Amino acid sequence: MDSEAQKQLVIDALDELKAVNTVSLDVTGMTDVMDFLVIASGTSNRHVKSLADNVCMQAKKQGLRPLGVEGEDTGEWVLVDFGDVVVHVMLPATRDFYDLERLWRPDTPA
């Protein structure tokens, strides 16, 4: 499955459980580590965990397994790494604090 299809699978899985403010960033020109960064918010710790679990479950149905999953214990910020696509599901306050969208925006000065 190519990275574009992986990204769409992730977005669909997040949308299925009503993720808030899902953003997809194409970072191919900025790093060799991944092609897409997908960031979404959940409304509670439980919602964040459920969103990440659904991403993993839908990916598994397509034969795609994450390389790693971090942060499931607290549910404040869960990272799901598929290699070409990295998913961050966060509580809104955590998302605002780390502001990953600004860090990965192509027009942000080094």
N, C-alpha and C. Protein backbone atom coordinates (compact mmCIF):
# COMPACT_ATOMS: atom_id res chain seq x y z
N MET A 1 0.85 -1.17 0.00
CA MET A 1 0.00 0.00 0.00
C MET A 1 0.90 1.24 0.00
N ASP A 2 0.68 2.16 -0.93
CA ASP A 2 1.52 3.35 -1.01
C ASP A 2 1.15 4.34 0.10
N SER A 3 1.99 5.35 0.28
CA SER A 3 1.80 6.27 1.40
C SER A 3 0.51 7.09 1.27
N GLU A 4 0.10 7.41 0.06
CA GLU A 4 -1.14 8.16 -0.14
C GLU A 4 -2.34 7.32 0.32
N ALA A 5 -2.34 6.04 -0.01
CA ALA A 5 -3.41 5.13 0.41
C ALA A 5 -3.39 4.93 1.93
N GLN A 6 -2.20 4.84 2.50
CA GLN A 6 -2.08 4.72 3.96
C GLN A 6 -2.66 5.95 4.64
N LYS A 7 -2.32 7.13 4.11
CA LYS A 7 -2.82 8.38 4.68
C LYS A 7 -4.34 8.39 4.64
N GLN A 8 -4.93 8.00 3.52
CA GLN A 8 -6.38 8.02 3.40
C GLN A 8 -7.03 7.02 4.34
N LEU A 9 -6.43 5.86 4.50
CA LEU A 9 -6.94 4.86 5.43
C LEU A 9 -6.96 5.43 6.85
N VAL A 10 -5.89 6.12 7.23
CA VAL A 10 -5.80 6.73 8.57
C VAL A 10 -6.87 7.79 8.75
N ILE A 11 -7.02 8.67 7.76
CA ILE A 11 -8.02 9.74 7.85
C ILE A 11 -9.42 9.17 7.94
N ASP A 12 -9.71 8.15 7.15
CA ASP A 12 -11.03 7.51 7.20
C ASP A 12 -11.29 6.88 8.57
N ALA A 13 -10.28 6.24 9.14
CA ALA A 13 -10.43 5.61 10.47
C ALA A 13 -10.66 6.68 11.53
N LEU A 14 -9.99 7.80 11.43
CA LEU A 14 -10.19 8.90 12.38
C LEU A 14 -11.58 9.51 12.22
N ASP A 15 -11.99 9.72 10.98
CA ASP A 15 -13.31 10.28 10.71
C ASP A 15 -14.43 9.37 11.21
N GLU A 16 -14.20 8.07 11.11
CA GLU A 16 -15.21 7.09 11.53
C GLU A 16 -15.62 7.28 12.99
N LEU A 17 -14.64 7.66 13.83
CA LEU A 17 -14.93 7.85 15.25
C LEU A 17 -14.96 9.33 15.63
N LYS A 18 -15.17 10.17 14.63
CA LYS A 18 -15.38 11.61 14.84
C LYS A 18 -14.21 12.33 15.48
N ALA A 19 -13.01 12.14 14.93
CA ALA A 19 -11.85 12.91 15.36
C ALA A 19 -12.11 14.39 15.09
N VAL A 20 -11.50 15.23 15.87
CA VAL A 20 -11.69 16.68 15.76
C VAL A 20 -10.47 17.29 15.05
N ASN A 21 -10.75 18.16 14.08
CA ASN A 21 -9.72 18.96 13.42
C ASN A 21 -8.55 18.11 12.87
N THR A 22 -8.86 17.14 12.04
CA THR A 22 -7.84 16.30 11.44
C THR A 22 -7.10 17.07 10.35
N VAL A 23 -5.77 17.02 10.42
CA VAL A 23 -4.91 17.72 9.47
C VAL A 23 -3.90 16.73 8.92
N SER A 24 -3.67 16.79 7.61
CA SER A 24 -2.66 15.96 6.98
C SER A 24 -1.59 16.88 6.38
N LEU A 25 -0.34 16.63 6.71
CA LEU A 25 0.76 17.44 6.21
C LEU A 25 1.68 16.59 5.34
N ASP A 26 1.94 17.04 4.12
CA ASP A 26 2.88 16.37 3.23
C ASP A 26 4.27 16.88 3.58
N VAL A 27 5.11 16.02 4.14
CA VAL A 27 6.44 16.43 4.60
C VAL A 27 7.55 15.77 3.77
N THR A 28 7.21 15.33 2.57
CA THR A 28 8.20 14.63 1.75
C THR A 28 9.42 15.49 1.44
N GLY A 29 9.26 16.79 1.29
CA GLY A 29 10.39 17.65 0.99
C GLY A 29 11.18 18.07 2.22
N MET A 30 10.72 17.68 3.41
CA MET A 30 11.34 18.13 4.64
C MET A 30 12.11 17.03 5.38
N THR A 31 11.77 15.77 5.08
CA THR A 31 12.41 14.65 5.78
C THR A 31 12.35 13.40 4.92
N ASP A 32 13.29 12.50 5.16
CA ASP A 32 13.29 11.20 4.49
C ASP A 32 12.63 10.14 5.36
N VAL A 33 12.26 10.51 6.57
CA VAL A 33 11.73 9.57 7.54
C VAL A 33 10.29 9.17 7.25
N MET A 34 9.48 10.12 6.75
CA MET A 34 8.07 9.86 6.49
C MET A 34 7.61 10.73 5.34
N ASP A 35 6.45 10.38 4.79
CA ASP A 35 5.85 11.17 3.72
C ASP A 35 4.73 12.08 4.24
N PHE A 36 3.94 11.55 5.18
CA PHE A 36 2.80 12.31 5.69
C PHE A 36 2.76 12.28 7.20
N LEU A 37 2.33 13.39 7.76
CA LEU A 37 2.08 13.52 9.18
C LEU A 37 0.58 13.81 9.31
N VAL A 38 -0.13 12.98 10.05
CA VAL A 38 -1.56 13.19 10.26
C VAL A 38 -1.75 13.51 11.74
N ILE A 39 -2.42 14.64 11.99
CA ILE A 39 -2.63 15.10 13.36
C ILE A 39 -4.13 15.27 13.57
N ALA A 40 -4.62 14.75 14.70
CA ALA A 40 -6.05 14.87 15.02
C ALA A 40 -6.20 15.02 16.53
N SER A 41 -7.35 15.54 16.93
CA SER A 41 -7.65 15.68 18.35
C SER A 41 -8.81 14.79 18.73
N GLY A 42 -8.78 14.38 20.00
CA GLY A 42 -9.90 13.68 20.60
C GLY A 42 -10.47 14.54 21.71
N THR A 43 -11.68 14.26 22.11
CA THR A 43 -12.35 15.10 23.11
C THR A 43 -12.05 14.70 24.55
N SER A 44 -11.46 13.52 24.73
CA SER A 44 -11.11 13.04 26.08
C SER A 44 -9.99 12.01 25.93
N ASN A 45 -9.41 11.62 27.05
CA ASN A 45 -8.36 10.59 27.01
C ASN A 45 -8.89 9.31 26.38
N ARG A 46 -10.10 8.95 26.75
CA ARG A 46 -10.70 7.73 26.20
C ARG A 46 -10.92 7.85 24.70
N HIS A 47 -11.35 9.03 24.25
CA HIS A 47 -11.57 9.25 22.82
C HIS A 47 -10.25 9.18 22.05
N VAL A 48 -9.20 9.78 22.62
CA VAL A 48 -7.88 9.73 21.98
C VAL A 48 -7.43 8.28 21.81
N LYS A 49 -7.56 7.49 22.88
CA LYS A 49 -7.18 6.08 22.82
C LYS A 49 -8.01 5.32 21.79
N SER A 50 -9.32 5.58 21.77
CA SER A 50 -10.21 4.90 20.83
C SER A 50 -9.87 5.26 19.38
N LEU A 51 -9.56 6.51 19.14
CA LEU A 51 -9.17 6.93 17.78
C LEU A 51 -7.92 6.19 17.33
N ALA A 52 -6.91 6.15 18.19
CA ALA A 52 -5.67 5.46 17.84
C ALA A 52 -5.91 3.96 17.65
N ASP A 53 -6.72 3.38 18.51
CA ASP A 53 -7.04 1.95 18.38
C ASP A 53 -7.75 1.67 17.06
N ASN A 54 -8.67 2.55 16.68
CA ASN A 54 -9.40 2.35 15.43
C ASN A 54 -8.47 2.47 14.22
N VAL A 55 -7.53 3.40 14.28
CA VAL A 55 -6.54 3.52 13.20
C VAL A 55 -5.78 2.19 13.06
N CYS A 56 -5.33 1.65 14.18
CA CYS A 56 -4.58 0.39 14.15
C CYS A 56 -5.45 -0.77 13.66
N MET A 57 -6.69 -0.81 14.12
CA MET A 57 -7.59 -1.90 13.74
C MET A 57 -7.92 -1.85 12.24
N GLN A 58 -8.22 -0.66 11.72
CA GLN A 58 -8.54 -0.54 10.29
C GLN A 58 -7.32 -0.84 9.43
N ALA A 59 -6.16 -0.43 9.89
CA ALA A 59 -4.93 -0.74 9.15
C ALA A 59 -4.66 -2.24 9.13
N LYS A 60 -4.87 -2.88 10.27
CA LYS A 60 -4.66 -4.33 10.36
C LYS A 60 -5.56 -5.08 9.39
N LYS A 61 -6.80 -4.60 9.23
CA LYS A 61 -7.72 -5.22 8.28
C LYS A 61 -7.20 -5.16 6.85
N GLN A 62 -6.36 -4.17 6.57
CA GLN A 62 -5.78 -4.01 5.23
C GLN A 62 -4.37 -4.62 5.15
N GLY A 63 -3.97 -5.34 6.20
CA GLY A 63 -2.67 -5.99 6.20
C GLY A 63 -1.52 -5.07 6.55
N LEU A 64 -1.82 -3.91 7.12
CA LEU A 64 -0.81 -2.93 7.49
C LEU A 64 -0.68 -2.88 9.00
N ARG A 65 0.50 -3.12 9.48
CA ARG A 65 0.74 -3.10 10.93
C ARG A 65 1.64 -1.92 11.28
N PRO A 66 1.34 -1.24 12.39
CA PRO A 66 2.20 -0.12 12.79
C PRO A 66 3.58 -0.61 13.22
N LEU A 67 4.58 0.21 12.96
CA LEU A 67 5.93 -0.08 13.43
C LEU A 67 6.02 0.14 14.93
N GLY A 68 5.18 1.04 15.44
CA GLY A 68 5.16 1.32 16.87
C GLY A 68 3.96 2.16 17.24
N VAL A 69 3.56 2.02 18.50
CA VAL A 69 2.48 2.82 19.07
C VAL A 69 2.96 3.28 20.43
N GLU A 70 2.88 4.59 20.67
CA GLU A 70 3.35 5.16 21.94
C GLU A 70 2.27 6.01 22.56
N GLY A 71 2.18 6.01 23.89
CA GLY A 71 1.31 6.91 24.61
C GLY A 71 -0.08 6.39 24.93
N GLU A 72 -0.34 5.14 24.64
CA GLU A 72 -1.67 4.59 24.90
C GLU A 72 -2.01 4.54 26.40
N ASP A 73 -1.00 4.49 27.24
CA ASP A 73 -1.24 4.38 28.67
C ASP A 73 -1.92 5.61 29.25
N THR A 74 -1.56 6.81 28.79
CA THR A 74 -2.18 8.02 29.35
C THR A 74 -3.31 8.54 28.48
N GLY A 75 -3.20 8.39 27.17
CA GLY A 75 -4.25 8.85 26.28
C GLY A 75 -4.25 10.35 26.05
N GLU A 76 -3.20 11.01 26.49
CA GLU A 76 -3.08 12.46 26.25
C GLU A 76 -2.55 12.73 24.84
N TRP A 77 -1.64 11.85 24.41
CA TRP A 77 -1.03 11.97 23.08
C TRP A 77 -0.63 10.56 22.67
N VAL A 78 -1.24 10.05 21.62
CA VAL A 78 -0.89 8.72 21.12
C VAL A 78 -0.28 8.89 19.73
N LEU A 79 0.88 8.29 19.54
CA LEU A 79 1.57 8.32 18.26
C LEU A 79 1.51 6.92 17.65
N VAL A 80 1.09 6.85 16.39
CA VAL A 80 1.04 5.57 15.67
C VAL A 80 1.94 5.74 14.45
N ASP A 81 2.98 4.93 14.37
CA ASP A 81 3.98 5.05 13.31
C ASP A 81 3.83 3.92 12.30
N PHE A 82 3.47 4.29 11.06
CA PHE A 82 3.37 3.33 9.98
C PHE A 82 4.57 3.43 9.03
N GLY A 83 5.58 4.18 9.41
CA GLY A 83 6.73 4.38 8.54
C GLY A 83 6.52 5.58 7.63
N ASP A 84 5.81 5.39 6.55
CA ASP A 84 5.55 6.49 5.61
C ASP A 84 4.53 7.48 6.14
N VAL A 85 3.68 7.04 7.04
CA VAL A 85 2.64 7.90 7.63
C VAL A 85 2.76 7.79 9.15
N VAL A 86 2.88 8.95 9.79
CA VAL A 86 2.95 9.00 11.25
C VAL A 86 1.72 9.76 11.74
N VAL A 87 1.02 9.16 12.69
CA VAL A 87 -0.24 9.70 13.19
C VAL A 87 -0.06 10.17 14.62
N HIS A 88 -0.51 11.40 14.89
CA HIS A 88 -0.53 11.94 16.24
C HIS A 88 -1.98 12.23 16.61
N VAL A 89 -2.47 11.58 17.66
CA VAL A 89 -3.81 11.86 18.17
C VAL A 89 -3.63 12.43 19.56
N MET A 90 -4.16 13.65 19.77
CA MET A 90 -3.89 14.38 21.01
C MET A 90 -5.14 15.00 21.59
N LEU A 91 -5.05 15.29 22.88
CA LEU A 91 -6.03 16.16 23.50
C LEU A 91 -5.80 17.57 22.97
N PRO A 92 -6.82 18.40 22.87
CA PRO A 92 -6.65 19.75 22.33
C PRO A 92 -5.59 20.58 23.05
N ALA A 93 -5.52 20.53 24.38
CA ALA A 93 -4.53 21.31 25.12
C ALA A 93 -3.11 20.85 24.79
N THR A 94 -2.91 19.56 24.66
CA THR A 94 -1.60 19.03 24.30
C THR A 94 -1.23 19.45 22.89
N ARG A 95 -2.20 19.38 22.00
CA ARG A 95 -1.97 19.78 20.60
C ARG A 95 -1.61 21.26 20.51
N ASP A 96 -2.31 22.08 21.25
CA ASP A 96 -2.00 23.51 21.24
C ASP A 96 -0.60 23.78 21.80
N PHE A 97 -0.24 23.07 22.86
CA PHE A 97 1.06 23.28 23.49
C PHE A 97 2.22 22.93 22.56
N TYR A 98 2.16 21.77 21.91
CA TYR A 98 3.26 21.32 21.05
C TYR A 98 3.20 21.90 19.65
N ASP A 99 2.03 22.26 19.17
CA ASP A 99 1.83 22.95 17.89
C ASP A 99 2.64 22.33 16.75
N LEU A 100 2.46 21.03 16.54
CA LEU A 100 3.19 20.31 15.50
C LEU A 100 2.94 20.88 14.10
N GLU A 101 1.73 21.37 13.88
CA GLU A 101 1.43 21.94 12.55
C GLU A 101 2.38 23.09 12.23
N ARG A 102 2.67 23.93 13.20
CA ARG A 102 3.59 25.05 12.97
C ARG A 102 5.01 24.54 12.76
N LEU A 103 5.41 23.55 13.53
CA LEU A 103 6.77 23.03 13.41
C LEU A 103 7.03 22.40 12.05
N TRP A 104 6.01 21.77 11.46
CA TRP A 104 6.18 21.06 10.19
C TRP A 104 5.69 21.85 8.99
N ARG A 105 5.25 23.08 9.20
CA ARG A 105 4.81 23.91 8.09
C ARG A 105 6.04 24.27 7.24
N PRO A 106 5.95 24.13 5.91
CA PRO A 106 7.13 24.37 5.06
C PRO A 106 7.65 25.80 5.11
N ASP A 107 6.82 26.77 5.45
CA ASP A 107 7.27 28.16 5.46
C ASP A 107 7.81 28.60 6.82
N THR A 108 7.95 27.68 7.78
CA THR A 108 8.49 28.02 9.09
C THR A 108 10.02 28.15 8.99
N PRO A 109 10.58 29.28 9.43
CA PRO A 109 12.03 29.44 9.37
C PRO A 109 12.76 28.45 10.28
N ALA A 110 13.93 28.05 9.86
CA ALA A 110 14.72 27.08 10.64
C ALA A 110 15.26 27.70 11.90
